[in-house]
Amino acid sequence: MADPTLLDEFERRVKADPASVTFANLGEQYRRAGRFDDAIAVCRAGLEHHPGYTSARVTLGRALAGVEDFDGARDELKAVLSDTPDNLAALQGLADLDDLEAEVRSARAVADEFSIDLASGEIPPSPASFENDTGSRGGPGTATLAPLERFLSAVRRRRTKARRR
């Protein structure tokens, strides 16, 4: 979770000096607040002045993952590892990225199956796949509910991971 006091202070410092290394802290606070686009913009601008700032590259990679730019995230994290192969944050970022990408693929498949609009979170009132579904055990809808339950579990895991960061 981002600290609003730190966020304000870092924003003030970067505004006063756009070449300040404080950009990395600001980018991380934005990422923790779920402001991924802001984190990406700040990190990219700061890395123009400080291209070797490793922790900023890790933050950029994590923020790119937050907007589901998995290829971009992977490229950033691998770039860090090419310079510092033992960078634990980049290694953990790659591992988290693989998990997140798999969860997103699974969630999209279930959303497509049930005509769920992921952007709005709206579910149609009576999905056609629920009609006439006798399920294998447990009565009507049981077989159809399993993918939806996997989807909801993936969403819960993703939210839990996001809170930990």
Protein backbone atom coordinates (compact mmCIF):
# COMPACT_ATOMS: atom_id res chain seq x y z
CA MET A 1 0.00 0.00 0.00
CA ALA A 2 1.30 3.44 -0.89
CA ASP A 3 1.98 6.03 1.79
CA PRO A 4 0.13 9.25 0.80
CA THR A 5 2.60 11.42 2.72
CA LEU A 6 5.56 9.90 0.90
CA LEU A 7 3.73 10.09 -2.41
CA ASP A 8 3.15 13.84 -1.97
CA GLU A 9 6.77 14.42 -0.94
CA PHE A 10 8.18 12.41 -3.85
CA GLU A 11 5.87 14.18 -6.32
CA ARG A 12 7.07 17.55 -5.00
CA ARG A 13 10.74 16.56 -5.32
CA VAL A 14 10.41 15.19 -8.85
CA LYS A 15 8.43 18.24 -9.94
CA ALA A 16 11.18 20.50 -8.56
CA ASP A 17 13.93 18.44 -10.21
CA PRO A 18 12.81 16.08 -13.00
CA ALA A 19 16.32 14.55 -13.12
CA SER A 20 16.20 13.66 -9.41
CA VAL A 21 16.74 10.02 -8.48
CA THR A 22 13.61 10.35 -6.35
CA PHE A 23 11.71 9.28 -9.48
CA ALA A 24 12.36 5.65 -8.52
CA ASN A 25 10.67 6.09 -5.14
CA LEU A 26 7.78 7.97 -6.75
CA GLY A 27 7.34 5.23 -9.34
CA GLU A 28 7.27 2.57 -6.63
CA GLN A 29 4.69 4.51 -4.59
CA TYR A 30 2.52 4.91 -7.70
CA ARG A 31 2.82 1.18 -8.40
CA ARG A 32 1.85 0.28 -4.84
CA ALA A 33 -1.16 2.59 -5.13
CA GLY A 34 -2.24 0.76 -8.28
CA ARG A 35 -1.43 3.80 -10.43
CA PHE A 36 0.46 1.71 -12.96
CA ASP A 37 0.31 4.18 -15.86
CA ASP A 38 1.77 6.92 -13.64
CA ALA A 39 4.48 4.55 -12.41
CA ILE A 40 5.39 3.62 -15.98
CA ALA A 41 5.55 7.26 -17.11
CA VAL A 42 7.67 8.36 -14.13
CA CYS A 43 10.05 5.41 -14.43
CA ARG A 44 10.53 5.85 -18.17
CA ALA A 45 11.19 9.58 -17.78
CA GLY A 46 13.61 9.03 -14.90
CA LEU A 47 15.43 6.21 -16.67
CA GLU A 48 16.20 8.65 -19.50
CA HIS A 49 18.42 10.47 -16.96
CA HIS A 50 19.53 7.41 -14.98
CA PRO A 51 19.45 4.37 -17.31
CA GLY A 52 21.41 2.16 -14.91
CA TYR A 53 19.06 2.60 -11.96
CA THR A 54 18.27 -1.07 -11.34
CA SER A 55 15.48 -0.73 -8.78
CA ALA A 56 13.64 1.68 -11.10
CA ARG A 57 13.83 -0.91 -13.88
CA VAL A 58 12.35 -3.52 -11.53
CA THR A 59 9.56 -1.09 -10.59
CA LEU A 60 8.96 -0.41 -14.29
CA GLY A 61 8.75 -4.15 -14.98
CA ARG A 62 6.26 -4.67 -12.16
CA ALA A 63 4.16 -1.69 -13.30
CA LEU A 64 4.10 -3.02 -16.86
CA ALA A 65 2.84 -6.32 -15.46
CA GLY A 66 0.14 -4.34 -13.67
CA VAL A 67 -1.21 -3.11 -17.01
CA GLU A 68 -0.80 -6.62 -18.44
CA ASP A 69 2.07 -5.68 -20.76
CA PHE A 70 3.71 -9.01 -20.00
CA ASP A 71 6.25 -8.86 -22.82
CA GLY A 72 7.41 -5.40 -21.78
CA ALA A 73 7.59 -6.46 -18.13
CA ARG A 74 9.57 -9.56 -19.01
CA ASP A 75 12.00 -7.50 -21.14
CA GLU A 76 12.65 -5.02 -18.30
CA LEU A 77 13.17 -7.72 -15.68
CA LYS A 78 15.45 -9.73 -17.96
CA ALA A 79 17.47 -6.57 -18.69
CA VAL A 80 18.03 -6.18 -14.95
CA LEU A 81 19.10 -9.81 -14.66
CA SER A 82 21.51 -9.49 -17.58
CA ASP A 83 23.35 -6.78 -15.59
CA THR A 84 22.86 -8.27 -12.12
CA PRO A 85 22.01 -11.98 -12.36
CA ASP A 86 21.51 -12.32 -8.60
CA ASN A 87 18.96 -9.48 -8.29
CA LEU A 88 16.31 -11.06 -6.08
CA ALA A 89 13.66 -8.44 -6.84
CA ALA A 90 13.96 -9.10 -10.58
CA LEU A 91 13.97 -12.87 -10.07
CA GLN A 92 10.86 -12.65 -7.88
CA GLY A 93 9.29 -10.29 -10.40
CA LEU A 94 9.75 -12.83 -13.19
CA ALA A 95 8.27 -15.61 -11.06
CA ASP A 96 5.30 -13.41 -10.12
CA LEU A 97 4.92 -12.43 -13.77
CA ASP A 98 4.57 -16.04 -14.88
CA ASP A 99 1.90 -16.65 -12.22
CA LEU A 100 0.04 -13.45 -13.05
CA GLU A 101 0.08 -14.12 -16.78
CA ALA A 102 -1.35 -17.61 -16.23
CA GLU A 103 -4.08 -16.23 -13.95
CA VAL A 104 -5.02 -13.54 -16.47
CA ARG A 105 -5.22 -16.10 -19.30
CA SER A 106 -7.44 -18.31 -17.15
CA ALA A 107 -9.63 -15.40 -16.09
CA ARG A 108 -10.05 -14.25 -19.69
CA ALA A 109 -11.02 -17.75 -20.81
CA VAL A 110 -13.69 -17.99 -18.11
CA ALA A 111 -14.87 -14.44 -18.81
CA ASP A 112 -15.23 -15.30 -22.49
CA GLU A 113 -17.08 -18.51 -21.64
CA PHE A 114 -19.59 -16.64 -19.49
CA SER A 115 -19.72 -13.41 -21.51
CA ILE A 116 -18.32 -11.43 -18.59
CA ASP A 117 -17.11 -7.95 -19.46
CA LEU A 118 -13.81 -7.79 -17.54
CA ALA A 119 -13.59 -4.00 -17.89
CA SER A 120 -16.93 -3.39 -16.17
CA GLY A 121 -17.20 -6.64 -14.23
CA GLU A 122 -20.76 -7.06 -15.43
CA ILE A 123 -22.16 -10.55 -15.80
CA PRO A 124 -25.21 -11.16 -17.98
CA PRO A 125 -28.32 -11.87 -15.89
CA SER A 126 -28.84 -15.38 -17.21
CA PRO A 127 -25.92 -16.86 -19.12
CA ALA A 128 -27.10 -19.25 -21.83
CA SER A 129 -24.68 -21.89 -20.57
CA PHE A 130 -26.63 -22.13 -17.28
CA GLU A 131 -29.83 -23.05 -19.07
CA ASN A 132 -30.52 -26.77 -19.43
CA ASP A 133 -27.25 -27.65 -17.66
CA THR A 134 -27.85 -30.68 -15.51
CA GLY A 135 -24.28 -30.88 -14.20
CA SER A 136 -22.54 -34.11 -13.31
CA ARG A 137 -23.17 -34.08 -9.56
CA GLY A 138 -24.89 -31.68 -7.28
CA GLY A 139 -27.70 -30.68 -9.61
CA PRO A 140 -28.20 -28.01 -12.25
CA GLY A 141 -25.30 -25.70 -12.98
CA THR A 142 -22.64 -27.61 -11.05
CA ALA A 143 -20.47 -28.36 -14.09
CA THR A 144 -20.80 -24.80 -15.31
CA LEU A 145 -19.92 -23.24 -11.97
CA ALA A 146 -16.49 -24.87 -11.72
CA PRO A 147 -14.80 -22.54 -14.24
CA LEU A 148 -16.46 -19.53 -12.64
CA GLU A 149 -15.18 -20.61 -9.23
CA ARG A 150 -11.66 -20.92 -10.69
CA PHE A 151 -12.02 -17.41 -12.10
CA LEU A 152 -13.08 -16.00 -8.73
CA SER A 153 -10.21 -17.81 -7.00
CA ALA A 154 -7.76 -16.29 -9.47
CA VAL A 155 -9.17 -12.83 -8.79
CA ARG A 156 -8.85 -13.35 -5.02
CA ARG A 157 -5.24 -14.54 -5.37
CA ARG A 158 -4.36 -11.56 -7.54
CA ARG A 159 -5.90 -9.12 -5.05
CA THR A 160 -4.08 -10.78 -2.16
CA LYS A 161 -0.74 -10.57 -4.00
CA ALA A 162 -1.39 -6.92 -4.90
CA ARG A 163 -2.05 -6.07 -1.23
CA ARG A 164 1.22 -7.72 -0.15
CA ARG A 165 3.33 -5.59 -2.51
